[in-house]
Amino acid sequence: LLGTGPGACEPLRQFLTCSPQEASAEALLLALCLWPRMSSDLVAASPLPKGCSAPPVAWAHSPGSVPRAQVASIASALFSGPYLKQVLPALQATTSACPRLHLL
């Protein structure tokens, strides 16, 4: 689905490839949920934090099921001041655009 070969979903790929400053709230939420299954080239072009490995598949769908040590570096990257400043427009848009996106 998110690879580069036949069967890859080009519209989804285009939706997920943007800088953190340009990301919509929906693109950021979808990228966070799909992160463990995304190819490395797609992660590099997405609004996700750079320089950290993908989390285990269960991290977004089963909170508390992944040991803290496994996700400590990811949490540190997601909640770092510079990254939060980059995604601030998407975070601010969640409160007015779609109340269900408060997951961000």
N, C-alpha and C. Protein backbone atom coordinates (compact mmCIF):
# COMPACT_ATOMS: atom_id res chain seq x y z
N LEU A 1 0.82 -1.20 0.00
CA LEU A 1 0.00 0.00 0.00
C LEU A 1 0.86 1.26 0.00
N LEU A 2 1.89 1.29 0.85
CA LEU A 2 2.70 2.49 0.96
C LEU A 2 4.09 2.34 0.38
N GLY A 3 4.32 1.26 -0.35
CA GLY A 3 5.62 1.04 -0.97
C GLY A 3 5.78 1.84 -2.24
N THR A 4 6.75 1.41 -3.05
CA THR A 4 7.00 2.10 -4.31
C THR A 4 6.66 1.25 -5.52
N GLY A 5 6.36 -0.02 -5.31
CA GLY A 5 6.09 -0.94 -6.42
C GLY A 5 4.64 -0.89 -6.86
N PRO A 6 4.26 -1.88 -7.70
CA PRO A 6 2.88 -1.95 -8.15
C PRO A 6 1.93 -2.13 -6.97
N GLY A 7 0.83 -1.48 -7.02
CA GLY A 7 -0.14 -1.56 -5.93
C GLY A 7 0.03 -0.47 -4.89
N ALA A 8 1.10 0.32 -5.03
CA ALA A 8 1.30 1.43 -4.10
C ALA A 8 0.21 2.47 -4.34
N CYS A 9 -0.25 3.07 -3.30
CA CYS A 9 -1.33 4.05 -3.39
C CYS A 9 -0.74 5.45 -3.54
N GLU A 10 -0.64 5.92 -4.77
CA GLU A 10 -0.03 7.22 -5.05
C GLU A 10 -0.75 8.39 -4.38
N PRO A 11 -2.09 8.46 -4.38
CA PRO A 11 -2.74 9.58 -3.69
C PRO A 11 -2.42 9.62 -2.19
N LEU A 12 -2.36 8.46 -1.56
CA LEU A 12 -2.01 8.42 -0.14
C LEU A 12 -0.57 8.85 0.05
N ARG A 13 0.30 8.41 -0.82
CA ARG A 13 1.71 8.79 -0.76
C ARG A 13 1.85 10.31 -0.88
N GLN A 14 1.13 10.91 -1.80
CA GLN A 14 1.20 12.36 -1.98
C GLN A 14 0.66 13.10 -0.75
N PHE A 15 -0.38 12.55 -0.14
CA PHE A 15 -0.99 13.16 1.05
C PHE A 15 -0.01 13.15 2.22
N LEU A 16 0.79 12.09 2.32
CA LEU A 16 1.69 11.94 3.46
C LEU A 16 3.05 12.59 3.26
N THR A 17 3.35 13.04 2.06
CA THR A 17 4.67 13.64 1.82
C THR A 17 4.56 15.16 1.85
N CYS A 18 4.86 15.70 3.00
CA CYS A 18 4.87 17.14 3.20
C CYS A 18 5.76 17.44 4.39
N SER A 19 6.17 18.66 4.51
CA SER A 19 7.00 19.04 5.65
C SER A 19 6.10 19.16 6.89
N PRO A 20 6.68 19.07 8.07
CA PRO A 20 5.87 19.24 9.28
C PRO A 20 5.13 20.57 9.32
N GLN A 21 5.74 21.63 8.79
CA GLN A 21 5.12 22.95 8.79
C GLN A 21 3.90 23.01 7.87
N GLU A 22 3.88 22.20 6.81
CA GLU A 22 2.80 22.23 5.83
C GLU A 22 1.75 21.14 6.06
N ALA A 23 1.98 20.28 7.01
CA ALA A 23 1.09 19.13 7.23
C ALA A 23 -0.27 19.58 7.76
N SER A 24 -1.29 18.92 7.28
CA SER A 24 -2.62 19.13 7.85
C SER A 24 -2.73 18.24 9.09
N ALA A 25 -3.71 18.51 9.91
CA ALA A 25 -3.92 17.68 11.09
C ALA A 25 -4.20 16.23 10.69
N GLU A 26 -4.94 16.05 9.61
CA GLU A 26 -5.27 14.70 9.15
C GLU A 26 -4.03 13.96 8.66
N ALA A 27 -3.16 14.66 7.92
CA ALA A 27 -1.94 14.03 7.41
C ALA A 27 -1.03 13.62 8.57
N LEU A 28 -0.92 14.48 9.57
CA LEU A 28 -0.08 14.17 10.72
C LEU A 28 -0.62 12.97 11.50
N LEU A 29 -1.91 12.95 11.74
CA LEU A 29 -2.51 11.82 12.46
C LEU A 29 -2.36 10.52 11.68
N LEU A 30 -2.60 10.56 10.39
CA LEU A 30 -2.47 9.36 9.56
C LEU A 30 -1.02 8.89 9.51
N ALA A 31 -0.09 9.82 9.39
CA ALA A 31 1.33 9.44 9.38
C ALA A 31 1.73 8.80 10.70
N LEU A 32 1.26 9.33 11.81
CA LEU A 32 1.58 8.74 13.11
C LEU A 32 1.03 7.31 13.23
N CYS A 33 -0.18 7.09 12.74
CA CYS A 33 -0.78 5.76 12.83
C CYS A 33 -0.12 4.76 11.89
N LEU A 34 0.32 5.22 10.72
CA LEU A 34 0.91 4.32 9.73
C LEU A 34 2.43 4.20 9.85
N TRP A 35 3.03 4.98 10.70
CA TRP A 35 4.48 5.06 10.81
C TRP A 35 5.17 3.69 10.84
N PRO A 36 4.74 2.76 11.68
CA PRO A 36 5.45 1.47 11.73
C PRO A 36 5.40 0.69 10.41
N ARG A 37 4.46 1.00 9.55
CA ARG A 37 4.30 0.25 8.30
C ARG A 37 4.78 1.01 7.07
N MET A 38 5.29 2.22 7.27
CA MET A 38 5.73 3.05 6.15
C MET A 38 7.17 2.71 5.76
N SER A 39 7.46 2.84 4.47
CA SER A 39 8.83 2.62 4.00
C SER A 39 9.71 3.77 4.49
N SER A 40 11.01 3.52 4.54
CA SER A 40 11.93 4.54 5.06
C SER A 40 11.95 5.80 4.19
N ASP A 41 11.78 5.65 2.88
CA ASP A 41 11.77 6.84 2.03
C ASP A 41 10.50 7.67 2.24
N LEU A 42 9.39 7.01 2.53
CA LEU A 42 8.16 7.73 2.80
C LEU A 42 8.23 8.43 4.16
N VAL A 43 8.81 7.78 5.15
CA VAL A 43 8.99 8.40 6.47
C VAL A 43 9.84 9.66 6.34
N ALA A 44 10.90 9.57 5.55
CA ALA A 44 11.80 10.72 5.37
C ALA A 44 11.09 11.91 4.74
N ALA A 45 10.08 11.65 3.90
CA ALA A 45 9.36 12.73 3.22
C ALA A 45 8.09 13.14 3.95
N SER A 46 7.79 12.50 5.05
CA SER A 46 6.54 12.75 5.77
C SER A 46 6.74 13.79 6.88
N PRO A 47 5.65 14.19 7.54
CA PRO A 47 5.78 15.17 8.62
C PRO A 47 6.23 14.57 9.95
N LEU A 48 6.72 13.34 9.95
CA LEU A 48 7.17 12.69 11.18
C LEU A 48 8.54 13.22 11.58
N PRO A 49 8.91 13.07 12.86
CA PRO A 49 10.23 13.53 13.29
C PRO A 49 11.33 12.77 12.56
N LYS A 50 12.38 13.46 12.23
CA LYS A 50 13.49 12.85 11.50
C LYS A 50 14.50 12.26 12.48
N GLY A 51 15.16 11.21 12.03
CA GLY A 51 16.27 10.66 12.80
C GLY A 51 15.93 9.64 13.87
N CYS A 52 14.71 9.19 13.95
CA CYS A 52 14.42 8.13 14.92
C CYS A 52 13.74 6.98 14.20
N SER A 53 13.93 5.80 14.74
CA SER A 53 13.38 4.61 14.09
C SER A 53 11.87 4.52 14.32
N ALA A 54 11.22 3.74 13.49
CA ALA A 54 9.77 3.56 13.60
C ALA A 54 9.44 2.82 14.88
N PRO A 55 8.33 3.15 15.49
CA PRO A 55 7.90 2.46 16.71
C PRO A 55 7.35 1.07 16.38
N PRO A 56 7.19 0.21 17.39
CA PRO A 56 6.55 -1.08 17.16
C PRO A 56 5.11 -0.87 16.69
N VAL A 57 4.57 -1.81 15.96
CA VAL A 57 3.22 -1.70 15.40
C VAL A 57 2.18 -1.43 16.48
N ALA A 58 2.32 -2.03 17.64
CA ALA A 58 1.31 -1.92 18.69
C ALA A 58 1.30 -0.58 19.41
N TRP A 59 2.28 0.26 19.21
CA TRP A 59 2.42 1.46 20.04
C TRP A 59 1.23 2.42 19.91
N ALA A 60 0.67 2.59 18.73
CA ALA A 60 -0.42 3.54 18.55
C ALA A 60 -1.79 2.93 18.81
N HIS A 61 -1.87 1.62 18.71
CA HIS A 61 -3.17 0.97 18.80
C HIS A 61 -3.44 0.32 20.16
N SER A 62 -2.39 0.10 20.92
CA SER A 62 -2.54 -0.52 22.24
C SER A 62 -1.68 0.24 23.25
N PRO A 63 -2.10 1.44 23.63
CA PRO A 63 -1.30 2.22 24.57
C PRO A 63 -0.98 1.42 25.84
N GLY A 64 0.25 1.50 26.25
CA GLY A 64 0.68 0.79 27.46
C GLY A 64 1.17 -0.62 27.20
N SER A 65 0.98 -1.13 25.99
CA SER A 65 1.40 -2.51 25.71
C SER A 65 2.87 -2.61 25.30
N VAL A 66 3.47 -1.49 24.96
CA VAL A 66 4.87 -1.49 24.54
C VAL A 66 5.72 -0.95 25.71
N PRO A 67 6.79 -1.66 26.08
CA PRO A 67 7.64 -1.17 27.18
C PRO A 67 8.18 0.23 26.90
N ARG A 68 8.23 1.04 27.93
CA ARG A 68 8.68 2.43 27.79
C ARG A 68 10.05 2.54 27.15
N ALA A 69 10.93 1.63 27.46
CA ALA A 69 12.28 1.70 26.91
C ALA A 69 12.27 1.61 25.38
N GLN A 70 11.30 0.90 24.83
CA GLN A 70 11.22 0.75 23.38
C GLN A 70 10.77 2.03 22.68
N VAL A 71 10.03 2.86 23.34
CA VAL A 71 9.48 4.05 22.70
C VAL A 71 10.01 5.36 23.29
N ALA A 72 10.98 5.28 24.17
CA ALA A 72 11.50 6.48 24.82
C ALA A 72 12.10 7.47 23.81
N SER A 73 12.89 6.98 22.87
CA SER A 73 13.51 7.89 21.90
C SER A 73 12.47 8.49 20.96
N ILE A 74 11.44 7.71 20.64
CA ILE A 74 10.37 8.20 19.77
C ILE A 74 9.57 9.29 20.48
N ALA A 75 9.23 9.04 21.75
CA ALA A 75 8.49 10.03 22.53
C ALA A 75 9.32 11.31 22.68
N SER A 76 10.61 11.15 22.89
CA SER A 76 11.49 12.30 23.03
C SER A 76 11.49 13.14 21.75
N ALA A 77 11.51 12.47 20.59
CA ALA A 77 11.49 13.19 19.31
C ALA A 77 10.14 13.85 19.07
N LEU A 78 9.05 13.16 19.39
CA LEU A 78 7.71 13.70 19.15
C LEU A 78 7.40 14.92 20.02
N PHE A 79 7.93 14.92 21.24
CA PHE A 79 7.61 16.00 22.17
C PHE A 79 8.76 16.98 22.38
N SER A 80 9.71 16.97 21.47
CA SER A 80 10.80 17.94 21.57
C SER A 80 10.27 19.32 21.17
N GLY A 81 10.83 20.35 21.75
CA GLY A 81 10.40 21.71 21.46
C GLY A 81 10.46 22.07 19.98
N PRO A 82 11.59 21.78 19.30
CA PRO A 82 11.68 22.13 17.89
C PRO A 82 10.64 21.42 17.01
N TYR A 83 10.38 20.15 17.30
CA TYR A 83 9.38 19.42 16.49
C TYR A 83 7.98 19.95 16.76
N LEU A 84 7.65 20.22 18.02
CA LEU A 84 6.33 20.76 18.34
C LEU A 84 6.11 22.12 17.68
N LYS A 85 7.16 22.93 17.60
CA LYS A 85 7.03 24.21 16.90
C LYS A 85 6.74 24.00 15.42
N GLN A 86 7.35 22.96 14.83
CA GLN A 86 7.13 22.69 13.41
C GLN A 86 5.69 22.26 13.14
N VAL A 87 5.12 21.46 14.02
CA VAL A 87 3.77 20.94 13.77
C VAL A 87 2.69 21.78 14.45
N LEU A 88 3.06 22.90 15.04
CA LEU A 88 2.11 23.75 15.73
C LEU A 88 0.90 24.13 14.87
N PRO A 89 1.07 24.50 13.60
CA PRO A 89 -0.11 24.83 12.80
C PRO A 89 -1.11 23.67 12.71
N ALA A 90 -0.60 22.44 12.55
CA ALA A 90 -1.50 21.28 12.48
C ALA A 90 -2.18 21.04 13.83
N LEU A 91 -1.43 21.22 14.90
CA LEU A 91 -2.02 21.02 16.24
C LEU A 91 -3.08 22.07 16.52
N GLN A 92 -2.84 23.30 16.13
CA GLN A 92 -3.83 24.35 16.34
C GLN A 92 -5.07 24.13 15.49
N ALA A 93 -4.90 23.57 14.31
CA ALA A 93 -6.04 23.34 13.42
C ALA A 93 -6.96 22.24 13.94
N THR A 94 -6.47 21.36 14.78
CA THR A 94 -7.31 20.25 15.24
C THR A 94 -8.49 20.73 16.06
N THR A 95 -8.35 21.80 16.81
CA THR A 95 -9.44 22.23 17.67
C THR A 95 -10.57 22.88 16.90
N SER A 96 -10.27 23.46 15.74
CA SER A 96 -11.35 24.11 14.98
C SER A 96 -11.81 23.29 13.77
N ALA A 97 -10.93 22.45 13.24
CA ALA A 97 -11.27 21.72 12.03
C ALA A 97 -12.10 20.47 12.30
N CYS A 98 -11.69 19.70 13.25
CA CYS A 98 -12.37 18.42 13.47
C CYS A 98 -12.13 17.98 14.91
N PRO A 99 -13.12 18.07 15.76
CA PRO A 99 -12.94 17.71 17.17
C PRO A 99 -12.45 16.29 17.39
N ARG A 100 -12.72 15.38 16.46
CA ARG A 100 -12.29 14.00 16.64
C ARG A 100 -10.79 13.84 16.49
N LEU A 101 -10.09 14.86 16.01
CA LEU A 101 -8.64 14.78 15.84
C LEU A 101 -7.89 15.19 17.09
N HIS A 102 -8.56 15.27 18.21
CA HIS A 102 -7.88 15.63 19.45
C HIS A 102 -6.92 14.54 19.89
N LEU A 103 -6.85 13.44 19.15
CA LEU A 103 -5.86 12.42 19.41
C LEU A 103 -4.46 12.99 19.29
N LEU A 104 -4.29 14.02 18.46
CA LEU A 104 -2.99 14.64 18.32
C LEU A 104 -2.66 15.40 19.58
